[in-house]
């Protein structure tokens, strides 16, 4: 029996709340940290703030203004582009004429993973989460047991996350040997539909494994290599079935990162490509089909980007300054924190194999030049000091312990850089944020154009 008028919520005054200002300040700090470089979350925050300070009609008006700003922003256009680009990459094609519209995938009912290092563990976890039965293989029992422990830990964490998400509707059945088994015996791979090799980046080792697989696996089995840079054709040459060999380059940590680079070689069949793309979908990853060259697309673009970051440090910047500029711009993680996370030894091993550093470097090579191009030996020197990043507790940064996650600037490194610059007569200078951003980003963009020009990727969306 009450009149309806005054019951309209929007007409009621907003009650003053205790500590409102402190609460809002704290929220803003959180938003800025979680969404660095992103406009929308900050403007959403401002809309909520307006609601606490103004009458309803004015608050809504303010929200409209903020929405208009976002609507016409470059970030909105970029996010829309990214949305459609992610869908465009499902439609793949190769210069030889194979394409998504004519190639049909083979079913993958079981898989194997060889090597239980960082990458192998993440890949096993991804497969188990996708409900694909897995055989995990290591070279000896010691490595197998170490790998098994690490995988079980990862799966327990994932299971807990999944329980939290959907009320435990889906359980990870990873203690069941029909779902996941560990072995040192290659004979266990006779019947799997697909094998992913994830041993470290060494061509001789990979060829030896592929030669073995070619003898043991059933004729239709797909042989995948998780390499980040090595030549797919050379790996395939060790088998009697190069049409079944394909690169599946996961990004670290493999059970988290959504990108999966799928690299076809000279002989890879359209069916193999389609099957790898189907696997990406099953693993809830974005598969991108690219051609075979050193570093493919992801790492090939990463080389000049990280190299430029190192040059900036040579010339007077600091790792934390470079990382901050790129993270404020919107990168999830800067080049130096990323290198520490991935492990500096990975690139070091690759450069030794290429003869850029280490014992195979010809005597008399200038310290800061290779093949007539500028080169920085800084990452090599850090590795020679046993600084491999998070795994050893120090790299470009210092960590609380080996395997630690929290990066803090390292005085040792700053002293080391000062001595290095003296040795090579490098006059340090002040480097501003603009220069850091442009030199790193333009290196990425230029390399991207080179990749497109060579036909390694079939369109800019694949790169992006």
Protein backbone atom coordinates (compact mmCIF):
# COMPACT_ATOMS: atom_id res chain seq x y z
CA UNK A 1 0.00 0.00 0.00
CA UNK A 2 2.99 2.35 -0.27
CA UNK A 3 3.24 4.85 -3.15
CA UNK A 4 5.80 3.73 -5.78
CA UNK A 5 7.54 7.06 -6.42
CA UNK A 6 10.17 7.28 -3.67
CA UNK A 7 11.00 3.56 -4.01
CA UNK A 8 12.92 4.15 -7.21
CA UNK A 9 16.50 3.27 -6.29
CA UNK A 10 18.12 5.74 -8.64
CA UNK A 11 16.49 8.62 -6.77
CA UNK A 12 17.91 7.62 -3.40
CA UNK A 13 21.03 9.44 -2.27
CA UNK A 14 24.23 7.37 -2.22
CA UNK A 15 24.99 6.75 1.46
CA UNK A 16 28.40 8.06 2.49
CA UNK A 17 30.63 5.06 3.17
CA UNK A 18 33.40 5.01 5.77
CA UNK A 19 37.01 5.06 4.40
CA UNK A 20 35.68 5.46 0.86
CA UNK A 21 38.75 7.39 -0.32
CA UNK A 22 41.22 4.84 1.10
CA UNK A 23 39.21 1.98 -0.37
CA UNK A 24 39.14 3.57 -3.84
CA UNK A 25 42.87 4.36 -3.75
CA UNK A 26 43.64 0.74 -2.90
CA UNK A 27 41.36 -0.51 -5.67
CA UNK A 28 43.02 1.78 -8.22
CA UNK A 29 46.48 0.48 -7.32
CA UNK A 30 45.22 -3.09 -7.80
CA UNK A 31 43.58 -2.31 -11.15
CA UNK A 32 46.71 -0.58 -12.45
CA UNK A 33 48.87 -3.52 -11.42
CA UNK A 34 46.60 -6.22 -12.86
CA UNK A 35 45.87 -4.41 -16.11
CA UNK A 36 49.10 -2.56 -16.89
CA UNK A 37 48.84 -0.51 -20.05
CA UNK A 38 45.12 -1.33 -20.48
CA UNK A 39 42.71 1.58 -20.68
CA UNK A 40 39.32 -0.11 -20.12
CA UNK A 41 39.76 -1.40 -16.53
CA UNK A 42 40.93 2.05 -15.39
CA UNK A 43 37.95 3.79 -17.01
CA UNK A 44 35.59 1.22 -15.47
CA UNK A 45 37.14 2.16 -12.14
CA UNK A 46 36.46 5.84 -12.84
CA UNK A 47 32.83 5.03 -13.65
CA UNK A 48 32.42 3.27 -10.30
CA UNK A 49 34.11 6.20 -8.55
CA UNK A 50 31.64 8.61 -10.21
CA UNK A 51 28.78 6.48 -8.83
CA UNK A 52 30.02 7.04 -5.28
CA UNK A 53 30.42 10.80 -5.71
CA UNK A 54 27.49 12.01 -7.84
CA UNK A 55 23.73 11.59 -8.17
CA UNK A 56 22.55 8.74 -10.41
CA UNK A 57 21.78 10.78 -13.54
CA UNK A 58 25.21 12.47 -13.47
CA UNK A 59 26.94 9.14 -12.80
CA UNK A 60 25.28 7.55 -15.83
CA UNK A 61 26.23 10.59 -17.92
CA UNK A 62 29.87 10.20 -16.81
CA UNK A 63 29.76 6.50 -17.67
CA UNK A 64 28.56 7.39 -21.18
CA UNK A 65 31.45 9.82 -21.65
CA UNK A 66 33.98 7.22 -20.51
CA UNK A 67 32.40 4.60 -22.76
CA UNK A 68 32.67 6.96 -25.75
CA UNK A 69 36.36 7.45 -25.03
CA UNK A 70 36.88 3.68 -25.10
CA UNK A 71 34.68 3.16 -28.13
CA UNK A 72 36.88 5.33 -30.32
CA UNK A 73 40.20 4.30 -28.72
CA UNK A 74 43.07 2.60 -30.51
CA UNK A 75 43.00 -0.11 -27.84
CA UNK A 76 39.40 -1.05 -28.66
CA UNK A 77 40.31 -1.34 -32.36
CA UNK A 78 43.36 -3.42 -31.47
CA UNK A 79 41.35 -5.79 -29.26
CA UNK A 80 38.72 -6.22 -31.99
CA UNK A 81 41.51 -6.94 -34.46
CA UNK A 82 43.07 -9.49 -32.07
CA UNK A 83 39.68 -11.17 -31.62
CA UNK A 84 39.21 -11.66 -35.36
CA UNK A 85 42.89 -12.48 -35.98
CA UNK A 86 42.67 -15.34 -33.47
CA UNK A 87 39.77 -16.76 -35.49
CA UNK A 88 41.40 -16.11 -38.86
CA UNK A 89 44.36 -18.38 -38.05
CA UNK A 90 42.07 -21.44 -38.08
CA UNK A 91 42.00 -20.94 -41.84
CA UNK A 92 45.53 -21.98 -42.76
CA UNK A 93 47.18 -22.48 -46.14
CA UNK A 94 50.67 -23.39 -47.35
CA UNK A 95 52.45 -22.10 -50.48
CA UNK A 96 52.24 -25.65 -51.87
CA UNK A 97 48.46 -25.41 -51.96
CA UNK A 98 47.47 -27.44 -48.90
CA UNK A 99 44.75 -25.74 -46.86
CA UNK A 100 42.24 -26.11 -44.01
CA UNK A 101 39.34 -26.47 -46.42
CA UNK A 102 40.61 -29.63 -48.11
CA UNK A 103 42.71 -31.41 -45.44
CA UNK A 104 41.03 -33.71 -42.90
CA UNK A 105 42.63 -34.50 -39.53
CA UNK A 106 43.26 -38.02 -38.17
CA UNK A 107 41.74 -38.80 -34.78
CA UNK A 108 44.16 -38.61 -31.82
CA UNK A 109 42.99 -41.13 -29.23
CA UNK A 110 46.33 -41.51 -27.44
CA UNK A 111 49.61 -39.61 -27.29
CA UNK A 112 53.16 -39.91 -25.97
CA UNK A 113 55.58 -37.27 -24.72
CA UNK A 114 59.36 -37.86 -24.78
CA UNK A 115 61.41 -35.89 -22.25
CA UNK A 116 60.09 -34.61 -18.91
CA UNK A 117 61.97 -31.35 -18.58
CA UNK A 118 60.11 -28.07 -18.13
CA UNK A 119 58.43 -28.26 -21.54
CA UNK A 120 57.60 -31.97 -21.45
CA UNK A 121 55.92 -31.64 -18.05
CA UNK A 122 53.70 -28.82 -19.25
CA UNK A 123 52.78 -30.73 -22.43
CA UNK A 124 51.85 -33.88 -20.47
CA UNK A 125 49.67 -31.73 -18.19
CA UNK A 126 47.92 -30.15 -21.21
CA UNK A 127 47.19 -33.56 -22.74
CA UNK A 128 45.83 -35.02 -19.48
CA UNK A 129 43.59 -31.96 -19.06
CA UNK A 130 42.28 -32.55 -22.60
CA UNK A 131 41.38 -36.15 -21.67
CA UNK A 132 43.87 -37.67 -24.09
CA UNK A 133 45.61 -40.76 -22.60
CA UNK A 134 49.37 -40.15 -22.35
CA UNK A 135 52.52 -42.26 -22.18
CA UNK A 136 55.39 -40.19 -20.74
CA UNK A 137 58.90 -41.39 -21.53
CA UNK A 138 62.31 -40.49 -20.08
CA UNK A 139 65.81 -41.83 -20.78
CA UNK A 140 66.42 -43.39 -17.34
CA UNK A 141 64.63 -44.09 -14.06
CA UNK A 142 66.21 -41.21 -12.16
CA UNK A 143 64.94 -38.62 -14.67
CA UNK A 144 61.63 -40.47 -14.97
CA UNK A 145 60.96 -40.31 -11.22
CA UNK A 146 61.98 -36.67 -11.02
CA UNK A 147 59.68 -35.89 -13.98
CA UNK A 148 56.81 -37.94 -12.57
CA UNK A 149 56.92 -36.02 -9.27
CA UNK A 150 56.91 -32.66 -11.07
CA UNK A 151 54.03 -33.68 -13.39
CA UNK A 152 51.94 -34.98 -10.48
CA UNK A 153 52.45 -31.67 -8.68
CA UNK A 154 51.35 -29.69 -11.75
CA UNK A 155 48.29 -31.91 -12.21
CA UNK A 156 47.30 -31.59 -8.55
CA UNK A 157 47.41 -27.80 -8.91
CA UNK A 158 45.34 -27.93 -12.10
CA UNK A 159 42.83 -30.31 -10.47
CA UNK A 160 42.41 -27.88 -7.58
CA UNK A 161 41.84 -25.00 -10.01
CA UNK A 162 39.24 -27.02 -11.92
CA UNK A 163 37.44 -28.03 -8.71
CA UNK A 164 37.23 -24.39 -7.77
CA UNK A 165 35.85 -23.42 -11.16
CA UNK A 166 32.98 -25.78 -11.95
CA UNK A 167 32.03 -27.30 -8.63
CA UNK A 168 34.11 -30.40 -9.34
CA UNK A 169 31.96 -31.50 -12.29
CA UNK A 170 35.10 -32.49 -14.17
CA UNK A 171 37.76 -34.41 -12.30
CA UNK A 172 41.25 -35.05 -13.60
CA UNK A 173 41.68 -38.79 -13.48
CA UNK A 174 45.47 -38.68 -13.54
CA UNK A 175 46.21 -41.50 -11.09
CA UNK A 176 44.68 -43.98 -13.53
CA UNK A 177 47.44 -45.73 -15.57
CA UNK A 178 45.07 -46.00 -18.55
CA UNK A 179 45.11 -42.18 -18.60
CA UNK A 180 48.74 -41.51 -17.73
CA UNK A 181 51.69 -43.87 -17.55
CA UNK A 182 55.42 -43.25 -17.11
CA UNK A 183 58.04 -45.43 -18.75
CA UNK A 184 61.65 -45.68 -19.98
CA UNK A 185 60.68 -48.26 -22.61
CA UNK A 186 60.25 -47.07 -26.22
CA UNK A 187 58.21 -50.20 -26.98
CA UNK A 188 55.33 -48.64 -25.04
CA UNK A 189 54.94 -46.17 -27.94
CA UNK A 190 53.94 -48.82 -30.50
CA UNK A 191 50.24 -47.96 -30.55
CA UNK A 192 50.00 -44.22 -29.88
CA UNK A 193 48.47 -41.96 -32.53
CA UNK A 194 50.86 -39.08 -31.90
CA UNK A 195 54.26 -38.55 -30.26
CA UNK A 196 55.57 -35.19 -29.07
CA UNK A 197 59.33 -35.11 -28.57
CA UNK A 198 60.33 -32.50 -25.99
CA UNK A 199 64.02 -33.17 -25.25
CA UNK A 200 66.44 -30.23 -25.20
CA UNK A 201 67.53 -28.39 -28.33
CA UNK A 202 70.18 -30.68 -29.75
CA UNK A 203 69.91 -31.79 -33.37
CA UNK A 204 71.88 -35.04 -33.01
CA UNK A 205 69.76 -36.15 -30.05
CA UNK A 206 66.49 -35.29 -31.80
CA UNK A 207 67.53 -37.15 -34.97
CA UNK A 208 68.47 -40.22 -32.94
CA UNK A 209 65.03 -40.20 -31.26
CA UNK A 210 63.16 -39.71 -34.55
CA UNK A 211 65.10 -42.55 -36.16
CA UNK A 212 63.97 -44.80 -33.29
CA UNK A 213 60.35 -43.60 -33.48
CA UNK A 214 60.26 -44.19 -37.21
CA UNK A 215 61.04 -47.88 -36.54
CA UNK A 216 58.74 -48.39 -33.54
CA UNK A 217 55.59 -46.31 -34.03
CA UNK A 218 52.65 -47.58 -36.09
CA UNK A 219 52.63 -46.37 -39.73
CA UNK A 220 49.97 -43.66 -39.30
CA UNK A 221 51.42 -42.11 -36.14
CA UNK A 222 52.20 -38.40 -36.25
CA UNK A 223 55.74 -37.53 -35.09
CA UNK A 224 55.91 -34.03 -33.56
CA UNK A 225 58.95 -32.13 -32.34
CA UNK A 226 58.69 -29.38 -29.76
CA UNK A 227 61.66 -27.43 -31.09
CA UNK A 228 61.90 -23.67 -30.79
CA UNK A 229 64.29 -23.11 -33.70
CA UNK A 230 65.75 -26.29 -35.26
CA UNK A 231 65.21 -27.32 -38.86
CA UNK A 232 62.15 -29.58 -39.20
CA UNK A 233 63.39 -31.03 -42.53
CA UNK A 234 66.67 -32.14 -40.99
CA UNK A 235 64.84 -33.85 -38.10
CA UNK A 236 62.47 -35.51 -40.60
CA UNK A 237 65.43 -36.79 -42.65
CA UNK A 238 66.22 -39.25 -39.83
CA UNK A 239 62.88 -41.05 -40.44
CA UNK A 240 61.42 -43.21 -43.17
CA UNK A 241 58.23 -41.09 -43.11
CA UNK A 242 58.99 -37.37 -43.42
CA UNK A 243 55.35 -36.70 -44.39
CA UNK A 244 54.38 -37.58 -40.78
CA UNK A 245 56.88 -35.22 -39.16
CA UNK A 246 55.74 -31.78 -37.96
CA UNK A 247 56.88 -29.12 -35.51
CA UNK A 248 54.62 -28.38 -32.53
CA UNK A 249 56.32 -25.55 -30.70
CA UNK A 250 54.74 -24.98 -27.29
CA UNK A 251 55.60 -21.85 -25.30
CA UNK A 252 56.73 -22.00 -21.71
CA UNK A 253 54.94 -22.72 -19.35
CA UNK A 254 53.29 -25.12 -21.79
CA UNK A 255 50.18 -25.89 -19.74
CA UNK A 256 49.40 -22.16 -19.43
CA UNK A 257 50.43 -20.42 -22.67
CA UNK A 258 47.75 -20.56 -25.33
CA UNK A 259 49.93 -20.23 -28.41
CA UNK A 260 51.00 -23.35 -30.30
CA UNK A 261 53.21 -22.86 -33.34
CA UNK A 262 52.70 -25.59 -35.94
CA UNK A 263 55.61 -25.84 -38.37
CA UNK A 264 55.38 -27.79 -41.62
CA UNK A 265 58.49 -29.09 -43.39
CA UNK A 266 59.11 -29.71 -47.07
CA UNK A 267 57.42 -33.13 -46.92
CA UNK A 268 54.80 -32.66 -44.16
CA UNK A 269 51.41 -33.89 -45.41
CA UNK A 270 48.26 -31.73 -45.31
CA UNK A 271 46.70 -34.42 -43.06
CA UNK A 272 49.55 -34.01 -40.57
CA UNK A 273 48.99 -30.23 -40.46
CA UNK A 274 45.23 -30.67 -40.01
CA UNK A 275 45.81 -33.20 -37.21
CA UNK A 276 48.20 -30.87 -35.38
CA UNK A 277 45.65 -28.03 -35.69
CA UNK A 278 42.94 -30.33 -34.35
CA UNK A 279 45.23 -31.19 -31.41
CA UNK A 280 45.73 -27.47 -30.68
CA UNK A 281 41.96 -27.08 -30.50
CA UNK A 282 41.60 -30.12 -28.22
CA UNK A 283 44.24 -28.63 -25.90
CA UNK A 284 42.37 -25.30 -25.90
CA UNK A 285 45.28 -23.58 -27.61
CA UNK A 286 45.50 -21.27 -30.61
CA UNK A 287 47.34 -23.20 -33.33
CA UNK A 288 49.17 -21.12 -35.93
CA UNK A 289 50.57 -22.78 -39.04
CA UNK A 290 53.96 -21.39 -40.13
CA UNK A 291 56.84 -22.32 -42.41
CA UNK A 292 60.25 -23.70 -41.55
CA UNK A 293 63.11 -21.25 -40.92
CA UNK A 294 65.49 -20.63 -38.01
CA UNK A 295 63.31 -19.68 -35.03
CA UNK A 296 60.08 -19.97 -37.10
CA UNK A 297 57.92 -16.93 -36.22
CA UNK A 298 57.72 -16.52 -32.44
CA UNK A 299 61.39 -16.93 -31.60
CA UNK A 300 62.65 -15.43 -34.81
CA UNK A 301 60.86 -12.18 -33.92
CA UNK A 302 62.02 -12.53 -30.32
CA UNK A 303 65.76 -12.66 -31.20
CA UNK A 304 66.17 -9.08 -32.50
CA UNK A 305 63.78 -7.78 -29.80
CA UNK A 306 65.77 -9.26 -26.92
CA UNK A 307 69.03 -8.37 -28.66
CA UNK A 308 67.98 -4.72 -28.87
CA UNK A 309 67.08 -4.81 -25.16
CA UNK A 310 70.60 -6.12 -24.38
CA UNK A 311 72.19 -3.40 -26.58
CA UNK A 312 70.24 -0.80 -24.56
CA UNK A 313 71.71 -2.23 -21.35
CA UNK A 314 75.20 -2.17 -22.90
CA UNK A 315 74.77 1.51 -23.70
CA UNK A 316 73.73 2.54 -20.19
CA UNK A 317 70.21 1.34 -19.39
CA UNK A 318 69.35 -1.30 -16.75
CA UNK A 319 67.35 -4.51 -17.19
CA UNK A 320 64.66 -3.31 -14.75
CA UNK A 321 64.32 0.02 -16.63
CA UNK A 322 63.84 -1.72 -20.00
CA UNK A 323 61.35 -4.22 -18.54
CA UNK A 324 59.36 -1.46 -16.86
CA UNK A 325 58.95 0.55 -20.07
CA UNK A 326 57.74 -2.50 -22.02
CA UNK A 327 55.46 -3.71 -19.22
CA UNK A 328 53.94 -0.23 -18.80
CA UNK A 329 53.34 -0.25 -22.55
CA UNK A 330 51.29 -3.44 -22.09
CA UNK A 331 53.60 -6.45 -22.42
CA UNK A 332 52.76 -9.03 -19.74
CA UNK A 333 56.46 -9.48 -19.02
CA UNK A 334 59.56 -7.56 -20.14
CA UNK A 335 62.41 -9.14 -22.17
CA UNK A 336 64.77 -9.62 -19.20
CA UNK A 337 62.23 -11.11 -16.82
CA UNK A 338 61.09 -13.30 -19.71
CA UNK A 339 64.65 -14.49 -20.39
CA UNK A 340 65.14 -15.34 -16.71
CA UNK A 341 61.85 -17.26 -16.70
CA UNK A 342 62.67 -19.28 -19.83
CA UNK A 343 66.30 -19.91 -18.73
CA UNK A 344 69.33 -18.11 -20.15
CA UNK A 345 71.05 -21.45 -20.77
CA UNK A 346 68.57 -22.28 -23.56
CA UNK A 347 69.75 -19.42 -25.80
CA UNK A 348 73.37 -19.99 -24.74
CA UNK A 349 73.25 -23.62 -25.87
CA UNK A 350 71.73 -22.53 -29.18
CA UNK A 351 74.42 -19.86 -29.74
CA UNK A 352 77.16 -22.40 -28.97
CA UNK A 353 75.64 -24.78 -31.53
CA UNK A 354 75.63 -21.93 -34.09
CA UNK A 355 79.31 -21.20 -33.35
CA UNK A 356 78.52 -17.68 -32.06
CA UNK A 357 80.20 -18.31 -28.71
CA UNK A 358 82.09 -20.98 -26.79
CA UNK A 359 84.91 -23.28 -27.90
CA UNK A 360 83.95 -23.32 -31.61
CA UNK A 361 84.31 -19.52 -31.96
CA UNK A 362 87.34 -18.80 -34.22
CA UNK A 363 90.28 -17.18 -32.39
CA UNK A 364 90.55 -13.44 -32.91
CA UNK A 365 86.81 -12.88 -33.36
CA UNK A 366 86.00 -9.38 -32.02
CA UNK A 367 84.06 -9.62 -28.73
CA UNK A 368 81.17 -7.48 -29.96
CA UNK A 369 80.83 -8.52 -33.60
CA UNK A 370 79.69 -11.63 -35.45
CA UNK A 371 79.53 -11.99 -39.25
CA UNK A 372 79.94 -8.23 -39.65
CA UNK A 373 76.94 -7.51 -37.38
CA UNK A 374 76.83 -6.02 -33.90
CA UNK A 375 76.73 -8.71 -31.18
CA UNK A 376 76.55 -8.53 -27.40
CA UNK A 377 78.37 -11.21 -25.40
CA UNK A 378 76.56 -10.14 -22.19
CA UNK A 379 74.08 -13.07 -22.09
CA UNK A 380 76.97 -15.51 -22.75
CA UNK A 381 79.02 -13.98 -19.93
CA UNK A 382 76.12 -14.31 -17.48
CA UNK A 383 75.84 -17.99 -18.38
CA UNK A 384 79.60 -18.48 -17.92
CA UNK A 385 79.04 -17.16 -14.38
CA UNK A 386 76.38 -19.86 -13.89
CA UNK A 387 73.54 -17.30 -13.94
CA UNK A 388 70.74 -19.08 -15.84
CA UNK A 389 67.78 -17.08 -14.48
CA UNK A 390 65.07 -18.28 -12.08
CA UNK A 391 66.30 -21.88 -12.07
CA UNK A 392 69.65 -20.87 -10.47
CA UNK A 393 68.28 -17.96 -8.43
CA UNK A 394 70.07 -15.31 -10.51
CA UNK A 395 70.26 -14.11 -14.10
CA UNK A 396 69.47 -10.55 -15.17
CA UNK A 397 67.83 -10.30 -11.73
CA UNK A 398 68.28 -11.87 -8.33
CA UNK A 399 65.66 -14.30 -6.93
CA UNK A 400 64.94 -15.30 -3.32
CA UNK A 401 66.17 -18.85 -4.06
CA UNK A 402 66.89 -21.21 -6.95
CA UNK A 403 63.52 -21.65 -8.64
CA UNK A 404 62.28 -18.41 -7.02
CA UNK A 405 59.73 -16.21 -8.81
CA UNK A 406 60.28 -12.73 -7.39
CA UNK A 407 62.76 -10.69 -9.45
CA UNK A 408 64.76 -8.00 -7.62
CA UNK A 409 67.42 -5.76 -9.21
CA UNK A 410 70.88 -7.22 -8.52
CA UNK A 411 73.78 -4.95 -7.38
CA UNK A 412 76.21 -7.67 -8.58
CA UNK A 413 74.87 -7.22 -12.11
CA UNK A 414 75.11 -3.43 -11.97
CA UNK A 415 78.79 -3.69 -10.93
CA UNK A 416 79.38 -6.30 -13.59
CA UNK A 417 77.85 -4.01 -16.27
CA UNK A 418 80.02 -1.08 -15.13
CA UNK A 419 83.18 -3.23 -15.46
CA UNK A 420 82.01 -4.58 -18.83
CA UNK A 421 81.45 -1.06 -20.20
CA UNK A 422 84.91 0.00 -18.98
CA UNK A 423 86.53 -3.01 -20.64
CA UNK A 424 84.92 -2.20 -23.98
CA UNK A 425 85.22 1.61 -23.68
CA UNK A 426 81.45 2.09 -23.86
CA UNK A 427 80.49 5.61 -22.75
CA UNK A 428 77.20 5.28 -20.89
CA UNK A 429 74.47 7.78 -21.64
CA UNK A 430 70.96 8.45 -20.38
CA UNK A 431 68.42 6.48 -22.43
CA UNK A 432 64.83 7.71 -22.27
CA UNK A 433 61.64 5.63 -22.33
CA UNK A 434 60.77 6.59 -25.89
CA UNK A 435 64.07 5.20 -27.22
CA UNK A 436 63.67 1.94 -25.26
CA UNK A 437 60.14 1.43 -26.58
CA UNK A 438 60.93 2.30 -30.19
CA UNK A 439 64.11 0.26 -30.49
CA UNK A 440 62.49 -2.86 -29.03
CA UNK A 441 59.17 -2.57 -30.86
CA UNK A 442 60.58 -1.57 -34.24
CA UNK A 443 62.93 -4.59 -34.11
CA UNK A 444 59.90 -6.84 -33.64
CA UNK A 445 57.93 -5.15 -36.41
CA UNK A 446 60.78 -5.16 -38.94
CA UNK A 447 61.43 -8.86 -38.39
CA UNK A 448 57.70 -9.48 -38.83
CA UNK A 449 57.78 -7.83 -42.26
CA UNK A 450 60.81 -9.93 -43.25
CA UNK A 451 58.92 -13.12 -42.26
CA UNK A 452 55.90 -12.07 -44.36
CA UNK A 453 58.13 -11.15 -47.30
CA UNK A 454 59.68 -14.65 -47.23
CA UNK A 455 56.26 -16.32 -47.13
CA UNK A 456 57.02 -18.06 -43.81
CA UNK A 457 53.63 -16.86 -42.51
CA UNK A 458 50.65 -16.54 -44.81
CA UNK A 459 49.25 -13.30 -43.36
CA UNK A 460 49.84 -10.58 -40.76
CA UNK A 461 47.17 -12.10 -38.45
CA UNK A 462 49.32 -15.20 -38.06
CA UNK A 463 52.20 -13.08 -36.81
CA UNK A 464 50.07 -10.95 -34.55
